[in-house]
Amino acid sequence: MRRLYLLVFFFIIFQHANALDSGRTAIGNISFKTISNDPDPAPYADFKTLVVPIKRAGNLIIVEAQVDSLEGNFVFDTGAPDLVLNATYFRYLPKIDDQETGGISGTAAESFTTYVHNFKILDLQYSRLTAHVTDLSFIENGRNIKVLGLLGTRLFSKFAVTVDLFKNVLYIQKLDKDGNIPLTERIFHDRLMVSSFMYANDVVFLKGQVNNSTLWFAFDSAAETNLLDYDRSKKLLASMQVIGRSKLTGVGGSKLEVIYAKFDNLTVGDHLFINNRTLITNLEKMGKAYGHSVDGILGYDFFVRGIFTINFVKKEFEMYIYNN
């Protein structure tokens, strides 16, 4: 069991992507210069509610999408800022900018920024889209599935997105002039919780309390478990049940301590969650990747408890119980 969660931890650490600062974007262990050209055109979206089937690869949410003539699997990843393409299949695209040397935890080959001319998820279509190309083979090898890329938050910034893991469906919905899902388009009504969120560097940050201590969590749909930062959680350990401890050797020989623990009393928004499990380790590098300090990450162990909606316009996170 301990080994499984250590593998999960490594998978999380090398997967995430986001802004380092106003001039760079980080994807995994590579940092890119931010392209300052005109923003991408708004998508063509001839729908009110788009119903998208999803698949599962372990705890990852997989959506089928198409880049030009190539169609395949993409990971729905709210830890990524935009479209990320796997260099295995897209190394031929024109290079707008190469990666900078160095990064979060090293360098990698075949990493650059590009544009794609046609991208679509069913009836959600972009005629031009900035994308980053880098090596995502660690996801394919870890999950034994062909992955063309990651779907980041900017793709959905004008919509509300709802994920129903029980029926394996993702809903992309247009919003009214007030930023709400129209009443006639609302699918779920038995709300479990609601919370406003801070949207910084294309990352959703939720304020929560763990055993009455206030923490800021990044919500990451591609994180396969919850994480807490060790330094910010020291005072909380006494109130948790520690299941296991291990020492890991990271990139460059750095040593990391990982604690696997469970606890009650996680409050997010207006709801108390009990029976919580988390990995506790140093999240300093993750904070740099997100471009914002982070006390913890809410991943699969959190959002599997219900159907969740992210309204990117109103900056609201909702969760619904399944028995609507």
Protein backbone atom coordinates (compact mmCIF):
# COMPACT_ATOMS: atom_id res chain seq x y z
CA MET A 1 0.00 0.00 0.00
CA ARG A 2 2.79 2.41 0.89
CA ARG A 3 4.58 1.80 -2.40
CA LEU A 4 1.36 2.46 -4.34
CA TYR A 5 0.93 5.87 -2.80
CA LEU A 6 4.56 6.79 -3.37
CA LEU A 7 4.11 6.03 -7.06
CA VAL A 8 0.97 8.16 -7.04
CA PHE A 9 2.94 10.97 -5.44
CA PHE A 10 5.63 10.91 -8.12
CA PHE A 11 2.95 10.84 -10.80
CA ILE A 12 1.36 13.98 -9.33
CA ILE A 13 4.63 15.85 -8.88
CA PHE A 14 5.72 15.53 -12.50
CA GLN A 15 2.32 16.05 -14.09
CA HIS A 16 1.14 19.51 -13.13
CA ALA A 17 1.44 22.67 -15.14
CA ASN A 18 0.90 26.35 -14.52
CA ALA A 19 2.19 29.90 -14.55
CA LEU A 20 5.45 30.62 -12.77
CA ASP A 21 5.05 34.37 -13.18
CA SER A 22 3.66 36.86 -15.69
CA GLY A 23 6.36 36.00 -18.22
CA ARG A 24 6.60 32.23 -18.05
CA THR A 25 4.47 29.11 -18.03
CA ALA A 26 5.58 25.86 -16.41
CA ILE A 27 4.56 22.43 -17.63
CA GLY A 28 5.92 19.54 -15.64
CA ASN A 29 9.63 20.29 -15.36
CA ILE A 30 9.83 22.74 -18.29
CA SER A 31 9.26 26.49 -18.23
CA PHE A 32 8.15 28.39 -21.36
CA LYS A 33 8.12 32.06 -22.21
CA THR A 34 4.57 33.37 -22.37
CA ILE A 35 3.64 34.35 -25.91
CA SER A 36 2.35 37.93 -25.92
CA ASN A 37 0.55 37.91 -29.27
CA ASP A 38 -3.19 38.46 -29.61
CA PRO A 39 -5.28 36.15 -27.43
CA ASP A 40 -6.80 33.08 -29.00
CA PRO A 41 -10.18 33.62 -30.70
CA ALA A 42 -13.31 32.69 -28.76
CA PRO A 43 -14.48 29.15 -29.41
CA TYR A 44 -17.40 28.21 -31.62
CA ALA A 45 -19.98 26.72 -29.25
CA ASP A 46 -23.37 26.03 -30.82
CA PHE A 47 -24.94 24.48 -27.74
CA LYS A 48 -26.46 25.29 -24.37
CA THR A 49 -25.28 22.12 -22.66
CA LEU A 50 -22.66 19.90 -24.27
CA VAL A 51 -22.69 16.32 -22.97
CA VAL A 52 -19.23 14.73 -23.26
CA PRO A 53 -18.60 11.07 -22.38
CA ILE A 54 -15.57 10.49 -20.19
CA LYS A 55 -13.39 7.45 -19.57
CA ARG A 56 -11.26 6.58 -16.58
CA ALA A 57 -7.60 5.65 -16.43
CA GLY A 58 -7.02 4.90 -12.77
CA ASN A 59 -8.18 8.07 -11.07
CA LEU A 60 -7.62 10.23 -14.17
CA ILE A 61 -10.53 11.72 -16.13
CA ILE A 62 -10.12 11.05 -19.86
CA VAL A 63 -11.93 13.02 -22.59
CA GLU A 64 -11.77 12.39 -26.32
CA ALA A 65 -10.82 15.46 -28.37
CA GLN A 66 -9.39 16.20 -31.80
CA VAL A 67 -6.39 18.24 -32.91
CA ASP A 68 -6.49 18.73 -36.67
CA SER A 69 -7.05 15.20 -38.02
CA LEU A 70 -5.76 13.35 -34.94
CA GLU A 71 -8.36 12.24 -32.40
CA GLY A 72 -7.69 10.56 -29.07
CA ASN A 73 -7.45 10.70 -25.28
CA PHE A 74 -6.82 13.86 -23.27
CA VAL A 75 -6.59 14.19 -19.48
CA PHE A 76 -9.01 16.74 -17.98
CA ASP A 77 -6.50 18.64 -15.83
CA THR A 78 -7.45 21.74 -13.83
CA GLY A 79 -3.81 21.91 -12.76
CA ALA A 80 -2.81 22.86 -16.32
CA PRO A 81 -3.39 26.37 -17.71
CA ASP A 82 -4.23 25.53 -21.31
CA LEU A 83 -3.81 22.87 -23.97
CA VAL A 84 -0.75 20.65 -23.50
CA LEU A 85 0.20 18.24 -26.29
CA ASN A 86 2.27 15.08 -26.07
CA ALA A 87 5.54 15.45 -28.01
CA THR A 88 5.32 11.80 -29.08
CA TYR A 89 2.52 12.76 -31.50
CA PHE A 90 2.96 16.52 -32.03
CA ARG A 91 6.70 17.15 -32.29
CA TYR A 92 6.17 18.09 -35.96
CA LEU A 93 4.14 21.23 -35.17
CA PRO A 94 5.76 24.63 -35.88
CA LYS A 95 7.80 26.01 -32.99
CA ILE A 96 6.79 29.45 -31.77
CA ASP A 97 9.18 29.36 -28.84
CA ASP A 98 11.55 26.76 -27.37
CA GLN A 99 11.62 25.89 -23.70
CA GLU A 100 13.89 27.78 -21.34
CA THR A 101 16.81 25.83 -19.92
CA GLY A 102 16.09 24.64 -16.42
CA GLY A 103 12.75 24.39 -14.71
CA ILE A 104 10.92 22.98 -11.76
CA SER A 105 12.92 19.77 -11.62
CA GLY A 106 15.14 19.64 -14.70
CA THR A 107 14.84 19.74 -18.46
CA ALA A 108 13.40 17.58 -21.19
CA ALA A 109 13.67 17.25 -24.95
CA GLU A 110 11.09 18.27 -27.54
CA SER A 111 9.42 21.01 -25.46
CA PHE A 112 8.10 24.14 -27.14
CA THR A 113 5.13 26.44 -27.62
CA THR A 114 3.01 26.25 -30.78
CA TYR A 115 -0.40 27.03 -32.28
CA VAL A 116 -2.94 24.51 -33.50
CA HIS A 117 -5.49 25.54 -36.13
CA ASN A 118 -8.31 23.16 -35.31
CA PHE A 119 -9.19 21.80 -31.90
CA LYS A 120 -12.54 20.42 -30.84
CA ILE A 121 -14.43 18.50 -28.19
CA LEU A 122 -17.60 17.53 -30.01
CA ASP A 123 -19.34 20.89 -30.71
CA LEU A 124 -16.84 22.99 -28.76
CA GLN A 125 -14.39 24.11 -31.45
CA TYR A 126 -11.39 26.43 -31.58
CA SER A 127 -10.09 27.74 -34.89
CA ARG A 128 -6.74 28.68 -33.36
CA LEU A 129 -5.32 27.76 -30.00
CA THR A 130 -2.02 28.27 -28.23
CA ALA A 131 -0.60 24.97 -27.02
CA HIS A 132 2.51 23.63 -25.35
CA VAL A 133 4.27 20.50 -26.55
CA THR A 134 6.24 18.38 -24.09
CA ASP A 135 6.90 14.78 -23.14
CA LEU A 136 3.89 13.14 -21.48
CA SER A 137 5.13 9.57 -21.81
CA PHE A 138 5.19 9.19 -18.02
CA ILE A 139 1.37 9.31 -18.04
CA GLU A 140 1.12 6.76 -20.85
CA ASN A 141 3.61 4.45 -19.18
CA GLY A 142 2.00 4.83 -15.78
CA ARG A 143 -1.54 4.18 -17.01
CA ASN A 144 -0.88 2.04 -20.12
CA ILE A 145 -3.06 4.30 -22.26
CA LYS A 146 -2.34 6.49 -25.27
CA VAL A 147 -2.61 10.15 -24.18
CA LEU A 148 -2.47 12.98 -26.71
CA GLY A 149 -2.43 15.76 -24.14
CA LEU A 150 -3.94 17.64 -21.20
CA LEU A 151 -7.02 19.88 -21.21
CA GLY A 152 -6.31 22.90 -19.01
CA THR A 153 -8.56 25.53 -17.47
CA ARG A 154 -8.39 28.25 -20.16
CA LEU A 155 -10.24 25.99 -22.57
CA PHE A 156 -13.30 26.28 -20.31
CA SER A 157 -12.89 29.83 -18.98
CA LYS A 158 -16.19 31.06 -20.47
CA PHE A 159 -18.23 28.08 -19.28
CA ALA A 160 -19.35 26.04 -16.32
CA VAL A 161 -18.00 22.50 -16.32
CA THR A 162 -19.65 19.66 -14.39
CA VAL A 163 -18.09 16.22 -13.89
CA ASP A 164 -20.29 13.26 -12.99
CA LEU A 165 -17.94 10.37 -12.23
CA PHE A 166 -20.85 8.06 -11.45
CA LYS A 167 -22.28 8.24 -14.97
CA ASN A 168 -18.92 9.07 -16.60
CA VAL A 169 -20.18 12.30 -18.18
CA LEU A 170 -18.72 15.81 -18.41
CA TYR A 171 -21.10 18.70 -19.05
CA ILE A 172 -19.89 21.96 -20.60
CA GLN A 173 -22.54 24.67 -20.23
CA LYS A 174 -23.03 28.19 -21.51
CA LEU A 175 -23.88 30.82 -18.92
CA ASP A 176 -26.39 33.66 -18.88
CA LYS A 177 -25.50 37.36 -18.67
CA ASP A 178 -25.14 37.05 -14.88
CA GLY A 179 -22.75 34.12 -15.13
CA ASN A 180 -25.29 31.52 -14.02
CA ILE A 181 -26.31 28.23 -15.60
CA PRO A 182 -29.86 28.93 -16.90
CA LEU A 183 -32.52 27.26 -14.77
CA THR A 184 -33.80 25.29 -17.76
CA GLU A 185 -30.31 23.83 -18.26
CA ARG A 186 -29.61 22.90 -14.65
CA ILE A 187 -29.10 19.16 -14.33
CA PHE A 188 -28.43 18.78 -10.61
CA HIS A 189 -30.28 20.44 -7.75
CA ASP A 190 -29.52 18.58 -4.52
CA ARG A 191 -26.45 20.63 -3.64
CA LEU A 192 -24.01 19.28 -1.09
CA MET A 193 -21.76 22.35 -0.86
CA VAL A 194 -20.83 25.61 -2.55
CA SER A 195 -17.70 27.72 -2.26
CA SER A 196 -16.36 30.76 -4.02
CA PHE A 197 -12.81 30.31 -5.22
CA MET A 198 -9.77 32.39 -6.00
CA TYR A 199 -8.65 32.01 -9.61
CA ALA A 200 -4.93 32.81 -9.75
CA ASN A 201 -2.59 31.92 -12.62
CA ASP A 202 -5.36 29.76 -14.11
CA VAL A 203 -5.56 27.65 -10.94
CA VAL A 204 -8.68 27.16 -8.80
CA PHE A 205 -7.85 27.82 -5.13
CA LEU A 206 -10.40 26.81 -2.49
CA LYS A 207 -10.25 28.00 1.11
CA GLY A 208 -10.75 25.21 3.62
CA GLN A 209 -10.26 24.28 7.24
CA VAL A 210 -8.49 21.18 8.52
CA ASN A 211 -9.24 20.62 12.19
CA ASN A 212 -10.03 24.37 12.51
CA SER A 213 -6.83 25.54 10.77
CA THR A 214 -7.47 27.63 7.65
CA LEU A 215 -5.62 26.47 4.53
CA TRP A 216 -5.64 27.28 0.81
CA PHE A 217 -6.01 24.28 -1.49
CA ALA A 218 -5.40 24.06 -5.22
CA PHE A 219 -8.19 22.03 -6.83
CA ASP A 220 -6.59 19.67 -9.30
CA SER A 221 -8.70 17.18 -11.27
CA ALA A 222 -5.56 15.27 -12.32
CA ALA A 223 -4.17 14.81 -8.81
CA GLU A 224 -4.76 11.19 -7.92
CA THR A 225 -4.90 11.85 -4.18
CA ASN A 226 -5.02 14.78 -1.74
CA LEU A 227 -1.80 16.48 -0.61
CA LEU A 228 -0.86 18.68 2.34
CA ASP A 229 2.32 20.70 2.70
CA TYR A 230 4.49 19.33 5.51
CA ASP A 231 5.60 22.69 6.96
CA ARG A 232 2.05 24.03 7.05
CA SER A 233 0.68 20.81 8.53
CA LYS A 234 3.11 20.12 11.38
CA LYS A 235 0.67 21.37 14.01
CA LEU A 236 -2.09 19.20 12.53
CA LEU A 237 -0.22 15.90 12.63
CA ALA A 238 -1.04 15.31 16.27
CA SER A 239 -4.74 15.21 15.40
CA MET A 240 -4.27 12.84 12.44
CA GLN A 241 -3.81 9.10 12.22
CA VAL A 242 -0.49 8.43 10.52
CA ILE A 243 -0.70 5.30 8.38
CA GLY A 244 2.85 5.29 7.03
CA ARG A 245 6.07 7.27 6.52
CA SER A 246 8.71 6.97 3.82
CA LYS A 247 11.80 8.77 2.56
CA LEU A 248 11.95 9.45 -1.17
CA THR A 249 14.88 10.49 -3.33
CA GLY A 250 13.75 13.10 -5.82
CA VAL A 251 15.30 14.55 -8.96
CA GLY A 252 18.88 15.67 -8.29
CA GLY A 253 19.17 13.49 -5.20
CA SER A 254 17.00 15.68 -2.97
CA LYS A 255 15.37 13.86 -0.07
CA LEU A 256 11.63 14.07 0.55
CA GLU A 257 9.67 12.73 3.48
CA VAL A 258 6.18 11.52 2.66
CA ILE A 259 3.57 10.81 5.31
CA TYR A 260 0.32 9.06 4.53
CA ALA A 261 -2.42 10.00 6.99
CA LYS A 262 -6.14 10.16 7.51
CA PHE A 263 -8.22 12.66 9.46
CA ASP A 264 -11.72 13.98 10.04
CA ASN A 265 -12.91 17.58 9.93
CA LEU A 266 -12.13 18.96 6.48
CA THR A 267 -14.46 21.88 5.81
CA VAL A 268 -14.74 23.39 2.33
CA GLY A 269 -17.38 26.02 1.70
CA ASP A 270 -20.38 25.18 3.81
CA HIS A 271 -19.80 21.43 4.20
CA LEU A 272 -17.85 19.22 6.59
CA PHE A 273 -16.10 16.22 5.03
CA ILE A 274 -15.03 13.35 7.29
CA ASN A 275 -12.88 10.28 6.68
CA ASN A 276 -10.24 12.15 4.66
CA ARG A 277 -6.97 10.70 3.40
CA THR A 278 -3.91 12.67 2.32
CA LEU A 279 -0.22 12.54 1.55
CA ILE A 280 1.87 15.05 3.51
CA THR A 281 5.13 16.25 2.01
CA ASN A 282 6.98 19.38 0.90
CA LEU A 283 4.89 21.26 -1.68
CA GLU A 284 7.27 24.16 -2.25
CA LYS A 285 7.98 23.12 -5.84
CA MET A 286 4.29 22.65 -6.50
CA GLY A 287 3.68 26.19 -5.27
CA LYS A 288 6.26 27.46 -7.74
CA ALA A 289 4.58 25.49 -10.52
CA TYR A 290 1.21 27.01 -9.60
CA GLY A 291 2.72 30.50 -9.34
CA HIS A 292 1.15 30.82 -5.88
CA SER A 293 1.95 29.36 -2.48
CA VAL A 294 -0.22 26.36 -1.71
CA ASP A 295 -1.07 24.68 1.60
CA GLY A 296 -2.52 21.60 -0.02
CA ILE A 297 -4.08 20.04 -3.11
CA LEU A 298 -7.57 18.60 -3.35
CA GLY A 299 -7.59 15.73 -5.80
CA TYR A 300 -9.46 12.54 -6.54
CA ASP A 301 -9.99 11.54 -2.89
CA PHE A 302 -11.93 14.79 -2.47
CA PHE A 303 -13.96 15.15 -5.66
CA VAL A 304 -14.94 11.49 -5.97
CA ARG A 305 -17.43 12.14 -3.14
CA GLY A 306 -19.90 13.87 -5.41
CA ILE A 307 -20.65 15.53 -8.72
CA PHE A 308 -18.70 18.78 -8.99
CA THR A 309 -19.24 21.96 -10.98
CA ILE A 310 -16.67 24.67 -11.66
CA ASN A 311 -18.21 27.95 -12.82
CA PHE A 312 -15.22 29.80 -14.20
CA VAL A 313 -17.14 33.03 -14.79
CA LYS A 314 -18.71 33.40 -11.32
CA LYS A 315 -15.71 31.68 -9.69
CA GLU A 316 -17.89 29.23 -7.79
CA PHE A 317 -17.27 25.59 -6.98
CA GLU A 318 -20.28 23.39 -6.25
CA MET A 319 -20.68 19.74 -5.34
CA TYR A 320 -23.84 17.66 -5.57
CA ILE A 321 -24.77 14.32 -4.07
CA TYR A 322 -25.71 11.65 -6.56
CA ASN A 323 -29.31 10.82 -5.57
CA ASN A 324 -30.97 13.70 -7.42
